[in-house]
Amino acid sequence: MSNNTILLLIVGAVLIAVIAYYMARFLRGSLTLSLSRTAFNPGDTVTGSFDIHIKKPIEGNKLAVSLIGVQTTKTYGSGETRTHSEEVYREEVLLEEATTYTAGHTATHEFEITVPDAGAPEFMSSTLGKTLTKALRLLSNKHTRLNWRVEAWLDAKGIDLTAAKTVTINMKRLG
């Protein structure tokens, strides 16, 4: 077999595995996330809800929603671009602990998560405050950015169900 044939077989196998994963997840059920708005200032409250629809029985470990901040840095050198991403913030709200969901189960879950308020003294002295302050200093480098998202997920045995939406936090009001 030639190297091209082997490469095509590997790419084909990966593609089939990815399709199978998403089909299996779709066949188990779905989460649909809704937010009242997507732009926030520090100290604001993110409010929203998500609908869960279970198609096949699922043993859930937990049902939760999180506000997540990911710092992404691009560096350039030697003719190539490298990208490094690191999660610098996660605020999780647990909505349900371990539960068995039956086929046909549907529900709507509402949630609230507070955006970190960098102006609060207790925030600045916390480990999280120090980490975010460091990340914000790096943001002055034009190749670094902080991306935020709200993510709802059912952590389950087997394949998890997830839904996410990108949100914007006014970084000029932080720090």
C-alpha atoms as a PDB file:
ATOM      1  CA  MET A   1       0.000   0.000   0.000  1.00  0.00           C
ATOM      2  CA  SER A   2       1.217   3.472  -0.794  1.00  0.00           C
ATOM      3  CA  ASN A   3       1.514   6.224   1.800  1.00  0.00           C
ATOM      4  CA  ASN A   4      -1.380   8.098   0.155  1.00  0.00           C
ATOM      5  CA  THR A   5      -3.676   5.090   0.476  1.00  0.00           C
ATOM      6  CA  ILE A   6      -2.781   4.629   4.147  1.00  0.00           C
ATOM      7  CA  LEU A   7      -3.351   8.328   4.801  1.00  0.00           C
ATOM      8  CA  LEU A   8      -6.756   8.204   3.084  1.00  0.00           C
ATOM      9  CA  LEU A   9      -7.742   5.148   5.142  1.00  0.00           C
ATOM     10  CA  ILE A  10      -6.749   6.891   8.378  1.00  0.00           C
ATOM     11  CA  VAL A  11      -8.624  10.086   7.462  1.00  0.00           C
ATOM     12  CA  GLY A  12     -11.660   8.009   6.440  1.00  0.00           C
ATOM     13  CA  ALA A  13     -11.624   6.071   9.724  1.00  0.00           C
ATOM     14  CA  VAL A  14     -11.403   9.275  11.773  1.00  0.00           C
ATOM     15  CA  LEU A  15     -14.231  10.839   9.785  1.00  0.00           C
ATOM     16  CA  ILE A  16     -16.443   7.769  10.305  1.00  0.00           C
ATOM     17  CA  ALA A  17     -15.669   7.777  14.055  1.00  0.00           C
ATOM     18  CA  VAL A  18     -16.602  11.464  14.372  1.00  0.00           C
ATOM     19  CA  ILE A  19     -19.867  10.941  12.463  1.00  0.00           C
ATOM     20  CA  ALA A  20     -20.701   7.881  14.602  1.00  0.00           C
ATOM     21  CA  TYR A  21     -20.079   9.860  17.807  1.00  0.00           C
ATOM     22  CA  TYR A  22     -22.395  12.714  16.820  1.00  0.00           C
ATOM     23  CA  MET A  23     -25.076  10.301  15.610  1.00  0.00           C
ATOM     24  CA  ALA A  24     -24.918   8.381  18.904  1.00  0.00           C
ATOM     25  CA  ARG A  25     -25.192  11.642  20.851  1.00  0.00           C
ATOM     26  CA  PHE A  26     -28.125  12.799  18.715  1.00  0.00           C
ATOM     27  CA  LEU A  27     -29.903   9.467  19.224  1.00  0.00           C
ATOM     28  CA  ARG A  28     -29.580   9.778  23.024  1.00  0.00           C
ATOM     29  CA  GLY A  29     -31.208  13.201  23.240  1.00  0.00           C
ATOM     30  CA  SER A  30     -30.499  16.907  23.094  1.00  0.00           C
ATOM     31  CA  LEU A  31     -30.025  20.104  25.065  1.00  0.00           C
ATOM     32  CA  THR A  32     -31.159  23.462  23.672  1.00  0.00           C
ATOM     33  CA  LEU A  33     -29.683  26.512  25.412  1.00  0.00           C
ATOM     34  CA  SER A  34     -31.370  29.951  25.484  1.00  0.00           C
ATOM     35  CA  LEU A  35     -29.942  33.149  26.980  1.00  0.00           C
ATOM     36  CA  SER A  36     -31.852  36.360  27.698  1.00  0.00           C
ATOM     37  CA  ARG A  37     -28.896  38.309  26.255  1.00  0.00           C
ATOM     38  CA  THR A  38     -25.279  37.674  25.264  1.00  0.00           C
ATOM     39  CA  ALA A  39     -23.381  40.854  26.284  1.00  0.00           C
ATOM     40  CA  PHE A  40     -22.485  41.514  29.931  1.00  0.00           C
ATOM     41  CA  ASN A  41     -20.502  43.759  32.268  1.00  0.00           C
ATOM     42  CA  PRO A  42     -18.599  42.549  35.357  1.00  0.00           C
ATOM     43  CA  GLY A  43     -21.043  41.790  38.188  1.00  0.00           C
ATOM     44  CA  ASP A  44     -23.993  41.248  35.816  1.00  0.00           C
ATOM     45  CA  THR A  45     -26.078  38.100  36.039  1.00  0.00           C
ATOM     46  CA  VAL A  46     -26.287  35.724  33.105  1.00  0.00           C
ATOM     47  CA  THR A  47     -29.842  34.371  33.022  1.00  0.00           C
ATOM     48  CA  GLY A  48     -31.125  31.688  30.747  1.00  0.00           C
ATOM     49  CA  SER A  49     -32.661  28.287  30.423  1.00  0.00           C
ATOM     50  CA  PHE A  50     -32.154  25.072  28.559  1.00  0.00           C
ATOM     51  CA  ASP A  51     -34.503  22.372  27.404  1.00  0.00           C
ATOM     52  CA  ILE A  52     -33.504  18.760  27.813  1.00  0.00           C
ATOM     53  CA  HIS A  53     -35.049  16.055  25.660  1.00  0.00           C
ATOM     54  CA  ILE A  54     -34.090  12.426  26.299  1.00  0.00           C
ATOM     55  CA  LYS A  55     -34.660   9.903  23.493  1.00  0.00           C
ATOM     56  CA  LYS A  56     -33.085   6.819  25.127  1.00  0.00           C
ATOM     57  CA  PRO A  57     -32.672   6.040  28.839  1.00  0.00           C
ATOM     58  CA  ILE A  58     -29.603   7.784  30.279  1.00  0.00           C
ATOM     59  CA  GLU A  59     -27.840   7.393  33.626  1.00  0.00           C
ATOM     60  CA  GLY A  60     -26.823  10.958  34.408  1.00  0.00           C
ATOM     61  CA  ASN A  61     -24.001  11.795  36.803  1.00  0.00           C
ATOM     62  CA  LYS A  62     -24.912  15.495  36.980  1.00  0.00           C
ATOM     63  CA  LEU A  63     -26.734  18.228  35.109  1.00  0.00           C
ATOM     64  CA  ALA A  64     -24.933  21.574  35.247  1.00  0.00           C
ATOM     65  CA  VAL A  65     -24.358  24.918  33.556  1.00  0.00           C
ATOM     66  CA  SER A  66     -21.108  26.924  33.558  1.00  0.00           C
ATOM     67  CA  LEU A  67     -19.682  30.295  32.603  1.00  0.00           C
ATOM     68  CA  ILE A  68     -16.255  29.573  31.100  1.00  0.00           C
ATOM     69  CA  GLY A  69     -13.414  31.928  30.183  1.00  0.00           C
ATOM     70  CA  VAL A  70     -10.689  30.656  27.828  1.00  0.00           C
ATOM     71  CA  GLN A  71      -7.525  32.645  27.156  1.00  0.00           C
ATOM     72  CA  THR A  72      -6.188  32.084  23.631  1.00  0.00           C
ATOM     73  CA  THR A  73      -2.704  33.247  22.673  1.00  0.00           C
ATOM     74  CA  LYS A  74      -1.196  33.195  19.186  1.00  0.00           C
ATOM     75  CA  THR A  75       2.558  33.345  18.739  1.00  0.00           C
ATOM     76  CA  TYR A  76       4.402  33.791  15.490  1.00  0.00           C
ATOM     77  CA  GLY A  77       7.926  32.655  14.740  1.00  0.00           C
ATOM     78  CA  SER A  78      10.035  30.700  12.273  1.00  0.00           C
ATOM     79  CA  GLY A  79       7.328  31.044   9.642  1.00  0.00           C
ATOM     80  CA  GLU A  80       4.630  29.303  11.664  1.00  0.00           C
ATOM     81  CA  THR A  81       1.750  30.274  13.922  1.00  0.00           C
ATOM     82  CA  ARG A  82       1.119  28.492  17.209  1.00  0.00           C
ATOM     83  CA  THR A  83      -2.075  28.790  19.198  1.00  0.00           C
ATOM     84  CA  HIS A  84      -2.335  28.002  22.912  1.00  0.00           C
ATOM     85  CA  SER A  85      -5.660  27.972  24.769  1.00  0.00           C
ATOM     86  CA  GLU A  86      -6.075  27.737  28.524  1.00  0.00           C
ATOM     87  CA  GLU A  87      -9.219  27.801  30.627  1.00  0.00           C
ATOM     88  CA  VAL A  88      -8.783  30.603  33.176  1.00  0.00           C
ATOM     89  CA  TYR A  89     -12.281  30.797  34.632  1.00  0.00           C
ATOM     90  CA  ARG A  90     -15.145  28.381  35.323  1.00  0.00           C
ATOM     91  CA  GLU A  91     -18.180  29.091  37.470  1.00  0.00           C
ATOM     92  CA  GLU A  92     -20.391  26.000  37.644  1.00  0.00           C
ATOM     93  CA  VAL A  93     -23.981  25.782  38.847  1.00  0.00           C
ATOM     94  CA  LEU A  94     -25.120  22.231  39.659  1.00  0.00           C
ATOM     95  CA  LEU A  95     -28.786  21.767  38.764  1.00  0.00           C
ATOM     96  CA  GLU A  96     -29.231  18.037  39.403  1.00  0.00           C
ATOM     97  CA  GLU A  97     -27.078  15.346  40.907  1.00  0.00           C
ATOM     98  CA  ALA A  98     -27.018  11.729  39.689  1.00  0.00           C
ATOM     99  CA  THR A  99     -30.372  10.929  38.085  1.00  0.00           C
ATOM    100  CA  THR A 100     -31.685   8.283  35.722  1.00  0.00           C
ATOM    101  CA  TYR A 101     -33.581   9.832  32.819  1.00  0.00           C
ATOM    102  CA  THR A 102     -36.211   7.734  31.060  1.00  0.00           C
ATOM    103  CA  ALA A 103     -36.848   7.746  27.320  1.00  0.00           C
ATOM    104  CA  GLY A 104     -39.167  10.610  26.402  1.00  0.00           C
ATOM    105  CA  HIS A 105     -38.169  12.760  29.404  1.00  0.00           C
ATOM    106  CA  THR A 106     -38.357  16.508  28.700  1.00  0.00           C
ATOM    107  CA  ALA A 107     -37.771  19.410  31.051  1.00  0.00           C
ATOM    108  CA  THR A 108     -36.783  23.072  31.099  1.00  0.00           C
ATOM    109  CA  HIS A 109     -34.155  24.244  33.583  1.00  0.00           C
ATOM    110  CA  GLU A 110     -33.607  27.916  34.389  1.00  0.00           C
ATOM    111  CA  PHE A 111     -30.313  29.223  35.749  1.00  0.00           C
ATOM    112  CA  GLU A 112     -28.417  32.329  36.864  1.00  0.00           C
ATOM    113  CA  ILE A 113     -24.637  32.799  36.933  1.00  0.00           C
ATOM    114  CA  THR A 114     -22.906  35.967  38.123  1.00  0.00           C
ATOM    115  CA  VAL A 115     -20.153  37.390  35.931  1.00  0.00           C
ATOM    116  CA  PRO A 116     -16.994  37.935  38.032  1.00  0.00           C
ATOM    117  CA  ASP A 117     -16.751  41.471  39.431  1.00  0.00           C
ATOM    118  CA  ALA A 118     -13.121  42.545  39.358  1.00  0.00           C
ATOM    119  CA  GLY A 119     -13.973  45.657  41.367  1.00  0.00           C
ATOM    120  CA  ALA A 120     -14.758  43.665  44.511  1.00  0.00           C
ATOM    121  CA  PRO A 121     -11.783  43.545  46.968  1.00  0.00           C
ATOM    122  CA  GLU A 122     -12.353  39.868  47.811  1.00  0.00           C
ATOM    123  CA  PHE A 123     -12.193  39.029  44.105  1.00  0.00           C
ATOM    124  CA  MET A 124      -8.805  40.705  43.592  1.00  0.00           C
ATOM    125  CA  SER A 125      -7.236  38.769  46.482  1.00  0.00           C
ATOM    126  CA  SER A 126      -8.663  35.399  45.377  1.00  0.00           C
ATOM    127  CA  THR A 127      -6.723  32.895  43.286  1.00  0.00           C
ATOM    128  CA  LEU A 128      -9.239  33.438  40.511  1.00  0.00           C
ATOM    129  CA  GLY A 129      -8.793  37.217  40.682  1.00  0.00           C
ATOM    130  CA  LYS A 130      -5.027  36.880  40.421  1.00  0.00           C
ATOM    131  CA  THR A 131      -5.371  34.494  37.476  1.00  0.00           C
ATOM    132  CA  LEU A 132      -7.796  36.750  35.618  1.00  0.00           C
ATOM    133  CA  THR A 133      -5.668  39.822  36.339  1.00  0.00           C
ATOM    134  CA  LYS A 134      -2.689  38.006  34.822  1.00  0.00           C
ATOM    135  CA  ALA A 135      -4.807  37.047  31.808  1.00  0.00           C
ATOM    136  CA  LEU A 136      -5.968  40.649  31.394  1.00  0.00           C
ATOM    137  CA  ARG A 137      -2.383  41.903  31.414  1.00  0.00           C
ATOM    138  CA  LEU A 138      -1.631  39.452  28.631  1.00  0.00           C
ATOM    139  CA  LEU A 139      -4.584  40.860  26.691  1.00  0.00           C
ATOM    140  CA  SER A 140      -2.555  43.993  26.075  1.00  0.00           C
ATOM    141  CA  ASN A 141      -0.565  41.755  23.723  1.00  0.00           C
ATOM    142  CA  LYS A 142      -2.554  42.032  20.502  1.00  0.00           C
ATOM    143  CA  HIS A 143      -2.271  38.282  19.957  1.00  0.00           C
ATOM    144  CA  THR A 144      -4.069  37.287  23.179  1.00  0.00           C
ATOM    145  CA  ARG A 145      -7.802  37.257  23.741  1.00  0.00           C
ATOM    146  CA  LEU A 146     -10.259  36.015  26.342  1.00  0.00           C
ATOM    147  CA  ASN A 147     -13.286  34.145  24.981  1.00  0.00           C
ATOM    148  CA  TRP A 148     -16.355  33.462  27.109  1.00  0.00           C
ATOM    149  CA  ARG A 149     -19.133  30.916  26.742  1.00  0.00           C
ATOM    150  CA  VAL A 150     -22.062  29.521  28.694  1.00  0.00           C
ATOM    151  CA  GLU A 151     -22.225  25.754  28.549  1.00  0.00           C
ATOM    152  CA  ALA A 152     -24.985  23.406  29.725  1.00  0.00           C
ATOM    153  CA  TRP A 153     -24.295  19.711  29.913  1.00  0.00           C
ATOM    154  CA  LEU A 154     -25.571  16.415  31.125  1.00  0.00           C
ATOM    155  CA  ASP A 155     -22.571  14.433  32.338  1.00  0.00           C
ATOM    156  CA  ALA A 156     -23.717  10.885  31.696  1.00  0.00           C
ATOM    157  CA  LYS A 157     -22.417   7.349  31.457  1.00  0.00           C
ATOM    158  CA  GLY A 158     -21.351   6.953  27.854  1.00  0.00           C
ATOM    159  CA  ILE A 159     -21.843  10.018  25.708  1.00  0.00           C
ATOM    160  CA  ASP A 160     -22.634  13.394  27.328  1.00  0.00           C
ATOM    161  CA  LEU A 161     -25.210  15.868  26.034  1.00  0.00           C
ATOM    162  CA  THR A 162     -23.990  19.465  25.700  1.00  0.00           C
ATOM    163  CA  ALA A 163     -25.028  22.867  24.404  1.00  0.00           C
ATOM    164  CA  ALA A 164     -23.026  26.103  24.429  1.00  0.00           C
ATOM    165  CA  LYS A 165     -23.396  29.760  23.466  1.00  0.00           C
ATOM    166  CA  THR A 166     -20.699  32.379  23.117  1.00  0.00           C
ATOM    167  CA  VAL A 167     -21.105  35.475  25.296  1.00  0.00           C
ATOM    168  CA  THR A 168     -19.266  38.789  25.445  1.00  0.00           C
ATOM    169  CA  ILE A 169     -18.016  40.310  28.692  1.00  0.00           C
ATOM    170  CA  ASN A 170     -16.968  43.970  28.600  1.00  0.00           C
ATOM    171  CA  MET A 171     -13.298  43.526  29.470  1.00  0.00           C
ATOM    172  CA  LYS A 172     -12.658  47.289  29.597  1.00  0.00           C
ATOM    173  CA  ARG A 173     -14.732  47.390  32.779  1.00  0.00           C
ATOM    174  CA  LEU A 174     -12.638  44.629  34.416  1.00  0.00           C
ATOM    175  CA  GLY A 175      -9.573  45.561  36.434  1.00  0.00           C
END
